Amino acid sequence: RNVHDNLLFVLKATGWTKSAQIKARIVEVL
């Protein structure tokens, strides 16, 4: 899976559910 989905996997596994917050956090850390 690509960079986005590598990070998405961790966020979902740790309880993140809101798409907008997930997207923003991935952009922020990258």
PDB file of all heavy atoms in Angstrom:
ATOM      1  N   ARG A   1       0.835  -1.202   0.000  1.00  0.00           N
ATOM      2  CA  ARG A   1       0.000   0.000   0.000  1.00  0.00           C
ATOM      3  C   ARG A   1       0.872   1.256   0.000  1.00  0.00           C
ATOM      4  O   ARG A   1       2.023   1.224   0.434  1.00  0.00           O
ATOM      5  CB  ARG A   1      -0.971  -0.012   1.171  1.00  0.00           C
ATOM      6  CG  ARG A   1      -0.348  -0.093   2.536  1.00  0.00           C
ATOM      7  CD  ARG A   1      -1.385  -0.518   3.590  1.00  0.00           C
ATOM      8  NE  ARG A   1      -1.668  -1.939   3.503  1.00  0.00           N
ATOM      9  CZ  ARG A   1      -2.626  -2.552   4.193  1.00  0.00           C
ATOM     10  NH1 ARG A   1      -3.410  -1.861   4.998  1.00  0.00           N
ATOM     11  NH2 ARG A   1      -2.822  -3.855   4.072  1.00  0.00           N
ATOM     12  N   ASN A   2       0.312   2.337  -0.505  1.00  0.00           N
ATOM     13  CA  ASN A   2       1.093   3.559  -0.660  1.00  0.00           C
ATOM     14  C   ASN A   2       1.301   4.260   0.689  1.00  0.00           C
ATOM     15  O   ASN A   2       0.841   3.799   1.740  1.00  0.00           O
ATOM     16  CB  ASN A   2       0.454   4.490  -1.693  1.00  0.00           C
ATOM     17  CG  ASN A   2      -0.935   4.981  -1.290  1.00  0.00           C
ATOM     18  OD1 ASN A   2      -1.289   4.992  -0.111  1.00  0.00           O
ATOM     19  ND2 ASN A   2      -1.708   5.408  -2.274  1.00  0.00           N
ATOM     20  N   VAL A   3       2.010   5.393   0.641  1.00  0.00           N
ATOM     21  CA  VAL A   3       2.353   6.112   1.867  1.00  0.00           C
ATOM     22  C   VAL A   3       1.092   6.507   2.634  1.00  0.00           C
ATOM     23  O   VAL A   3       0.992   6.296   3.847  1.00  0.00           O
ATOM     24  CB  VAL A   3       3.194   7.357   1.524  1.00  0.00           C
ATOM     25  CG1 VAL A   3       3.343   8.266   2.742  1.00  0.00           C
ATOM     26  CG2 VAL A   3       4.569   6.941   0.991  1.00  0.00           C
ATOM     27  N   HIS A   4       0.110   7.059   1.946  1.00  0.00           N
ATOM     28  CA  HIS A   4      -1.138   7.457   2.580  1.00  0.00           C
ATOM     29  C   HIS A   4      -1.783   6.280   3.303  1.00  0.00           C
ATOM     30  O   HIS A   4      -2.189   6.388   4.470  1.00  0.00           O
ATOM     31  CB  HIS A   4      -2.104   8.034   1.541  1.00  0.00           C
ATOM     32  CG  HIS A   4      -3.474   8.324   2.074  1.00  0.00           C
ATOM     33  ND1 HIS A   4      -4.445   7.346   2.203  1.00  0.00           N
ATOM     34  CD2 HIS A   4      -4.032   9.475   2.525  1.00  0.00           C
ATOM     35  CE1 HIS A   4      -5.540   7.886   2.710  1.00  0.00           C
ATOM     36  NE2 HIS A   4      -5.325   9.171   2.913  1.00  0.00           N
ATOM     37  N   ASP A   5      -1.853   5.148   2.640  1.00  0.00           N
ATOM     38  CA  ASP A   5      -2.535   3.995   3.223  1.00  0.00           C
ATOM     39  C   ASP A   5      -1.736   3.334   4.337  1.00  0.00           C
ATOM     40  O   ASP A   5      -2.317   2.716   5.236  1.00  0.00           O
ATOM     41  CB  ASP A   5      -2.885   2.983   2.130  1.00  0.00           C
ATOM     42  CG  ASP A   5      -4.008   3.476   1.224  1.00  0.00           C
ATOM     43  OD1 ASP A   5      -4.638   4.495   1.568  1.00  0.00           O
ATOM     44  OD2 ASP A   5      -4.237   2.857   0.170  1.00  0.00           O
ATOM     45  N   ASN A   6      -0.406   3.467   4.303  1.00  0.00           N
ATOM     46  CA  ASN A   6       0.395   3.012   5.440  1.00  0.00           C
ATOM     47  C   ASN A   6       0.035   3.800   6.695  1.00  0.00           C
ATOM     48  O   ASN A   6      -0.110   3.228   7.782  1.00  0.00           O
ATOM     49  CB  ASN A   6       1.890   3.180   5.141  1.00  0.00           C
ATOM     50  CG  ASN A   6       2.545   1.912   4.625  1.00  0.00           C
ATOM     51  OD1 ASN A   6       2.987   1.072   5.405  1.00  0.00           O
ATOM     52  ND2 ASN A   6       2.581   1.767   3.309  1.00  0.00           N
ATOM     53  N   LEU A   7      -0.127   5.093   6.540  1.00  0.00           N
ATOM     54  CA  LEU A   7      -0.469   5.938   7.682  1.00  0.00           C
ATOM     55  C   LEU A   7      -1.931   5.765   8.078  1.00  0.00           C
ATOM     56  O   LEU A   7      -2.270   5.742   9.269  1.00  0.00           O
ATOM     57  CB  LEU A   7      -0.165   7.402   7.350  1.00  0.00           C
ATOM     58  CG  LEU A   7       1.285   7.707   6.961  1.00  0.00           C
ATOM     59  CD1 LEU A   7       1.475   9.194   6.713  1.00  0.00           C
ATOM     60  CD2 LEU A   7       2.267   7.209   8.004  1.00  0.00           C
ATOM     61  N   LEU A   8      -2.791   5.605   7.084  1.00  0.00           N
ATOM     62  CA  LEU A   8      -4.217   5.378   7.336  1.00  0.00           C
ATOM     63  C   LEU A   8      -4.424   4.121   8.179  1.00  0.00           C
ATOM     64  O   LEU A   8      -5.264   4.100   9.088  1.00  0.00           O
ATOM     65  CB  LEU A   8      -4.960   5.258   6.009  1.00  0.00           C
ATOM     66  CG  LEU A   8      -6.455   4.925   6.070  1.00  0.00           C
ATOM     67  CD1 LEU A   8      -7.223   6.062   6.735  1.00  0.00           C
ATOM     68  CD2 LEU A   8      -6.997   4.652   4.659  1.00  0.00           C
ATOM     69  N   PHE A   9      -3.668   3.076   7.880  1.00  0.00           N
ATOM     70  CA  PHE A   9      -3.778   1.807   8.613  1.00  0.00           C
ATOM     71  C   PHE A   9      -3.563   2.026  10.113  1.00  0.00           C
ATOM     72  O   PHE A   9      -4.310   1.504  10.946  1.00  0.00           O
ATOM     73  CB  PHE A   9      -2.759   0.805   8.067  1.00  0.00           C
ATOM     74  CG  PHE A   9      -2.734  -0.507   8.791  1.00  0.00           C
ATOM     75  CD1 PHE A   9      -3.639  -1.506   8.491  1.00  0.00           C
ATOM     76  CD2 PHE A   9      -1.796  -0.742   9.790  1.00  0.00           C
ATOM     77  CE1 PHE A   9      -3.622  -2.722   9.166  1.00  0.00           C
ATOM     78  CE2 PHE A   9      -1.767  -1.944  10.476  1.00  0.00           C
ATOM     79  CZ  PHE A   9      -2.682  -2.941  10.158  1.00  0.00           C
ATOM     80  N   VAL A  10      -2.550   2.820  10.454  1.00  0.00           N
ATOM     81  CA  VAL A  10      -2.238   3.072  11.867  1.00  0.00           C
ATOM     82  C   VAL A  10      -3.338   3.893  12.526  1.00  0.00           C
ATOM     83  O   VAL A  10      -3.768   3.600  13.645  1.00  0.00           O
ATOM     84  CB  VAL A  10      -0.882   3.790  11.997  1.00  0.00           C
ATOM     85  CG1 VAL A  10      -0.619   4.199  13.437  1.00  0.00           C
ATOM     86  CG2 VAL A  10       0.238   2.885  11.499  1.00  0.00           C
ATOM     87  N   LEU A  11      -3.804   4.921  11.836  1.00  0.00           N
ATOM     88  CA  LEU A  11      -4.847   5.766  12.424  1.00  0.00           C
ATOM     89  C   LEU A  11      -6.125   4.980  12.684  1.00  0.00           C
ATOM     90  O   LEU A  11      -6.740   5.100  13.746  1.00  0.00           O
ATOM     91  CB  LEU A  11      -5.120   6.965  11.507  1.00  0.00           C
ATOM     92  CG  LEU A  11      -4.010   8.024  11.460  1.00  0.00           C
ATOM     93  CD1 LEU A  11      -4.343   9.103  10.448  1.00  0.00           C
ATOM     94  CD2 LEU A  11      -3.790   8.645  12.844  1.00  0.00           C
ATOM     95  N   LYS A  12      -6.531   4.169  11.727  1.00  0.00           N
ATOM     96  CA  LYS A  12      -7.747   3.376  11.918  1.00  0.00           C
ATOM     97  C   LYS A  12      -7.563   2.355  13.037  1.00  0.00           C
ATOM     98  O   LYS A  12      -8.481   2.101  13.817  1.00  0.00           O
ATOM     99  CB  LYS A  12      -8.134   2.687  10.613  1.00  0.00           C
ATOM    100  CG  LYS A  12      -8.736   3.644   9.582  1.00  0.00           C
ATOM    101  CD  LYS A  12      -9.357   2.891   8.425  1.00  0.00           C
ATOM    102  CE  LYS A  12     -10.140   3.824   7.523  1.00  0.00           C
ATOM    103  NZ  LYS A  12     -10.787   3.105   6.398  1.00  0.00           N
ATOM    104  N   ALA A  13      -6.357   1.778  13.120  1.00  0.00           N
ATOM    105  CA  ALA A  13      -6.087   0.776  14.153  1.00  0.00           C
ATOM    106  C   ALA A  13      -6.087   1.391  15.551  1.00  0.00           C
ATOM    107  O   ALA A  13      -6.291   0.677  16.546  1.00  0.00           O
ATOM    108  CB  ALA A  13      -4.754   0.097  13.889  1.00  0.00           C
ATOM    109  N   THR A  14      -5.863   2.704  15.628  1.00  0.00           N
ATOM    110  CA  THR A  14      -5.820   3.371  16.935  1.00  0.00           C
ATOM    111  C   THR A  14      -7.066   4.218  17.186  1.00  0.00           C
ATOM    112  O   THR A  14      -7.070   5.107  18.036  1.00  0.00           O
ATOM    113  CB  THR A  14      -4.553   4.230  17.067  1.00  0.00           C
ATOM    114  OG1 THR A  14      -4.440   5.118  15.938  1.00  0.00           O
ATOM    115  CG2 THR A  14      -3.317   3.356  17.134  1.00  0.00           C
ATOM    116  N   GLY A  15      -8.116   3.955  16.425  1.00  0.00           N
ATOM    117  CA  GLY A  15      -9.414   4.512  16.771  1.00  0.00           C
ATOM    118  C   GLY A  15      -9.869   5.762  16.052  1.00  0.00           C
ATOM    119  O   GLY A  15     -10.925   6.312  16.372  1.00  0.00           O
ATOM    120  N   TRP A  16      -9.103   6.236  15.071  1.00  0.00           N
ATOM    121  CA  TRP A  16      -9.540   7.404  14.317  1.00  0.00           C
ATOM    122  C   TRP A  16     -10.659   6.993  13.360  1.00  0.00           C
ATOM    123  O   TRP A  16     -10.558   5.993  12.663  1.00  0.00           O
ATOM    124  CB  TRP A  16      -8.386   8.009  13.519  1.00  0.00           C
ATOM    125  CG  TRP A  16      -7.305   8.645  14.355  1.00  0.00           C
ATOM    126  CD1 TRP A  16      -6.556   8.045  15.319  1.00  0.00           C
ATOM    127  CD2 TRP A  16      -6.852   9.992  14.287  1.00  0.00           C
ATOM    128  NE1 TRP A  16      -5.651   8.929  15.846  1.00  0.00           N
ATOM    129  CE2 TRP A  16      -5.799  10.137  15.236  1.00  0.00           C
ATOM    130  CE3 TRP A  16      -7.199  11.085  13.503  1.00  0.00           C
ATOM    131  CZ2 TRP A  16      -5.128  11.337  15.425  1.00  0.00           C
ATOM    132  CZ3 TRP A  16      -6.518  12.295  13.688  1.00  0.00           C
ATOM    133  CH2 TRP A  16      -5.498  12.412  14.649  1.00  0.00           C
ATOM    134  N   THR A  17     -11.715   7.791  13.286  1.00  0.00           N
ATOM    135  CA  THR A  17     -12.867   7.428  12.446  1.00  0.00           C
ATOM    136  C   THR A  17     -13.316   8.532  11.487  1.00  0.00           C
ATOM    137  O   THR A  17     -13.940   8.247  10.465  1.00  0.00           O
ATOM    138  CB  THR A  17     -14.076   7.044  13.319  1.00  0.00           C
ATOM    139  OG1 THR A  17     -14.389   8.141  14.193  1.00  0.00           O
ATOM    140  CG2 THR A  17     -13.771   5.801  14.157  1.00  0.00           C
ATOM    141  N   LYS A  18     -13.026   9.779  11.782  1.00  0.00           N
ATOM    142  CA  LYS A  18     -13.522  10.887  10.973  1.00  0.00           C
ATOM    143  C   LYS A  18     -12.590  11.176   9.800  1.00  0.00           C
ATOM    144  O   LYS A  18     -11.410  11.495  10.001  1.00  0.00           O
ATOM    145  CB  LYS A  18     -13.704  12.134  11.832  1.00  0.00           C
ATOM    146  CG  LYS A  18     -14.768  11.954  12.910  1.00  0.00           C
ATOM    147  CD  LYS A  18     -14.982  13.216  13.718  1.00  0.00           C
ATOM    148  CE  LYS A  18     -16.067  13.018  14.777  1.00  0.00           C
ATOM    149  NZ  LYS A  18     -16.281  14.229  15.596  1.00  0.00           N
ATOM    150  N   SER A  19     -13.114  11.059   8.598  1.00  0.00           N
ATOM    151  CA  SER A  19     -12.307  11.148   7.377  1.00  0.00           C
ATOM    152  C   SER A  19     -11.546  12.463   7.277  1.00  0.00           C
ATOM    153  O   SER A  19     -10.367  12.487   6.902  1.00  0.00           O
ATOM    154  CB  SER A  19     -13.188  10.970   6.145  1.00  0.00           C
ATOM    155  OG  SER A  19     -13.761   9.680   6.136  1.00  0.00           O
ATOM    156  N   ALA A  20     -12.183  13.562   7.609  1.00  0.00           N
ATOM    157  CA  ALA A  20     -11.535  14.871   7.484  1.00  0.00           C
ATOM    158  C   ALA A  20     -10.360  14.991   8.442  1.00  0.00           C
ATOM    159  O   ALA A  20      -9.292  15.512   8.077  1.00  0.00           O
ATOM    160  CB  ALA A  20     -12.551  15.984   7.745  1.00  0.00           C
ATOM    161  N   GLN A  21     -10.525  14.498   9.665  1.00  0.00           N
ATOM    162  CA  GLN A  21      -9.434  14.543  10.645  1.00  0.00           C
ATOM    163  C   GLN A  21      -8.286  13.631  10.237  1.00  0.00           C
ATOM    164  O   GLN A  21      -7.113  13.982  10.397  1.00  0.00           O
ATOM    165  CB  GLN A  21      -9.963  14.160  12.025  1.00  0.00           C
ATOM    166  CG  GLN A  21     -10.911  15.180  12.637  1.00  0.00           C
ATOM    167  CD  GLN A  21     -11.423  14.752  14.001  1.00  0.00           C
ATOM    168  OE1 GLN A  21     -11.164  13.635  14.455  1.00  0.00           O
ATOM    169  NE2 GLN A  21     -12.162  15.630  14.665  1.00  0.00           N
ATOM    170  N   ILE A  22      -8.622  12.460   9.707  1.00  0.00           N
ATOM    171  CA  ILE A  22      -7.605  11.518   9.238  1.00  0.00           C
ATOM    172  C   ILE A  22      -6.788  12.135   8.107  1.00  0.00           C
ATOM    173  O   ILE A  22      -5.551  12.104   8.121  1.00  0.00           O
ATOM    174  CB  ILE A  22      -8.265  10.203   8.776  1.00  0.00           C
ATOM    175  CG1 ILE A  22      -8.770   9.410   9.990  1.00  0.00           C
ATOM    176  CG2 ILE A  22      -7.294   9.357   7.957  1.00  0.00           C
ATOM    177  CD1 ILE A  22      -9.599   8.194   9.636  1.00  0.00           C
ATOM    178  N   LYS A  23      -7.466  12.707   7.136  1.00  0.00           N
ATOM    179  CA  LYS A  23      -6.791  13.322   5.999  1.00  0.00           C
ATOM    180  C   LYS A  23      -5.875  14.448   6.451  1.00  0.00           C
ATOM    181  O   LYS A  23      -4.718  14.550   6.026  1.00  0.00           O
ATOM    182  CB  LYS A  23      -7.819  13.848   5.008  1.00  0.00           C
ATOM    183  CG  LYS A  23      -7.206  14.478   3.761  1.00  0.00           C
ATOM    184  CD  LYS A  23      -8.289  14.926   2.782  1.00  0.00           C
ATOM    185  CE  LYS A  23      -7.661  15.553   1.534  1.00  0.00           C
ATOM    186  NZ  LYS A  23      -8.706  15.998   0.571  1.00  0.00           N
ATOM    187  N   ALA A  24      -6.373  15.296   7.342  1.00  0.00           N
ATOM    188  CA  ALA A  24      -5.589  16.432   7.824  1.00  0.00           C
ATOM    189  C   ALA A  24      -4.356  15.971   8.589  1.00  0.00           C
ATOM    190  O   ALA A  24      -3.271  16.553   8.450  1.00  0.00           O
ATOM    191  CB  ALA A  24      -6.457  17.324   8.708  1.00  0.00           C
ATOM    192  N   ARG A  25      -4.510  14.913   9.399  1.00  0.00           N
ATOM    193  CA  ARG A  25      -3.378  14.445  10.198  1.00  0.00           C
ATOM    194  C   ARG A  25      -2.298  13.832   9.311  1.00  0.00           C
ATOM    195  O   ARG A  25      -1.100  14.041   9.555  1.00  0.00           O
ATOM    196  CB  ARG A  25      -3.853  13.423  11.239  1.00  0.00           C
ATOM    197  CG  ARG A  25      -2.754  12.995  12.225  1.00  0.00           C
ATOM    198  CD  ARG A  25      -2.180  14.176  12.956  1.00  0.00           C
ATOM    199  NE  ARG A  25      -1.125  13.801  13.896  1.00  0.00           N
ATOM    200  CZ  ARG A  25      -0.159  14.616  14.309  1.00  0.00           C
ATOM    201  NH1 ARG A  25      -0.117  15.867  13.871  1.00  0.00           N
ATOM    202  NH2 ARG A  25       0.758  14.209  15.163  1.00  0.00           N
ATOM    203  N   ILE A  26      -2.702  13.089   8.299  1.00  0.00           N
ATOM    204  CA  ILE A  26      -1.725  12.499   7.386  1.00  0.00           C
ATOM    205  C   ILE A  26      -0.936  13.590   6.667  1.00  0.00           C
ATOM    206  O   ILE A  26       0.302  13.525   6.571  1.00  0.00           O
ATOM    207  CB  ILE A  26      -2.425  11.558   6.385  1.00  0.00           C
ATOM    208  CG1 ILE A  26      -2.887  10.284   7.105  1.00  0.00           C
ATOM    209  CG2 ILE A  26      -1.487  11.196   5.223  1.00  0.00           C
ATOM    210  CD1 ILE A  26      -3.726   9.352   6.255  1.00  0.00           C
ATOM    211  N   VAL A  27      -1.623  14.599   6.196  1.00  0.00           N
ATOM    212  CA  VAL A  27      -0.942  15.721   5.530  1.00  0.00           C
ATOM    213  C   VAL A  27       0.001  16.422   6.507  1.00  0.00           C
ATOM    214  O   VAL A  27       1.130  16.780   6.156  1.00  0.00           O
ATOM    215  CB  VAL A  27      -1.972  16.718   4.956  1.00  0.00           C
ATOM    216  CG1 VAL A  27      -1.281  17.994   4.485  1.00  0.00           C
ATOM    217  CG2 VAL A  27      -2.749  16.081   3.809  1.00  0.00           C
ATOM    218  N   GLU A  28      -0.444  16.577   7.746  1.00  0.00           N
ATOM    219  CA  GLU A  28       0.348  17.287   8.751  1.00  0.00           C
ATOM    220  C   GLU A  28       1.668  16.574   9.041  1.00  0.00           C
ATOM    221  O   GLU A  28       2.738  17.200   9.052  1.00  0.00           O
ATOM    222  CB  GLU A  28      -0.473  17.419  10.032  1.00  0.00           C
ATOM    223  CG  GLU A  28       0.188  18.274  11.104  1.00  0.00           C
ATOM    224  CD  GLU A  28      -0.701  18.463  12.327  1.00  0.00           C
ATOM    225  OE1 GLU A  28      -1.742  17.765  12.431  1.00  0.00           O
ATOM    226  OE2 GLU A  28      -0.350  19.298  13.178  1.00  0.00           O
ATOM    227  N   VAL A  29       1.608  15.257   9.279  1.00  0.00           N
ATOM    228  CA  VAL A  29       2.851  14.553   9.633  1.00  0.00           C
ATOM    229  C   VAL A  29       3.775  14.407   8.425  1.00  0.00           C
ATOM    230  O   VAL A  29       5.003  14.462   8.567  1.00  0.00           O
ATOM    231  CB  VAL A  29       2.572  13.177  10.288  1.00  0.00           C
ATOM    232  CG1 VAL A  29       1.866  13.355  11.612  1.00  0.00           C
ATOM    233  CG2 VAL A  29       1.802  12.249   9.365  1.00  0.00           C
ATOM    234  N   LEU A  30       3.211  14.228   7.234  1.00  0.00           N
ATOM    235  CA  LEU A  30       4.068  14.144   6.046  1.00  0.00           C
ATOM    236  C   LEU A  30       4.754  15.474   5.773  1.00  0.00           C
ATOM    237  O   LEU A  30       5.918  15.511   5.358  1.00  0.00           O
ATOM    238  CB  LEU A  30       3.252  13.695   4.835  1.00  0.00           C
ATOM    239  CG  LEU A  30       2.837  12.220   4.818  1.00  0.00           C
ATOM    240  CD1 LEU A  30       1.971  11.921   3.602  1.00  0.00           C
ATOM    241  CD2 LEU A  30       4.060  11.301   4.829  1.00  0.00           C
TER     242      LEU A  30
END
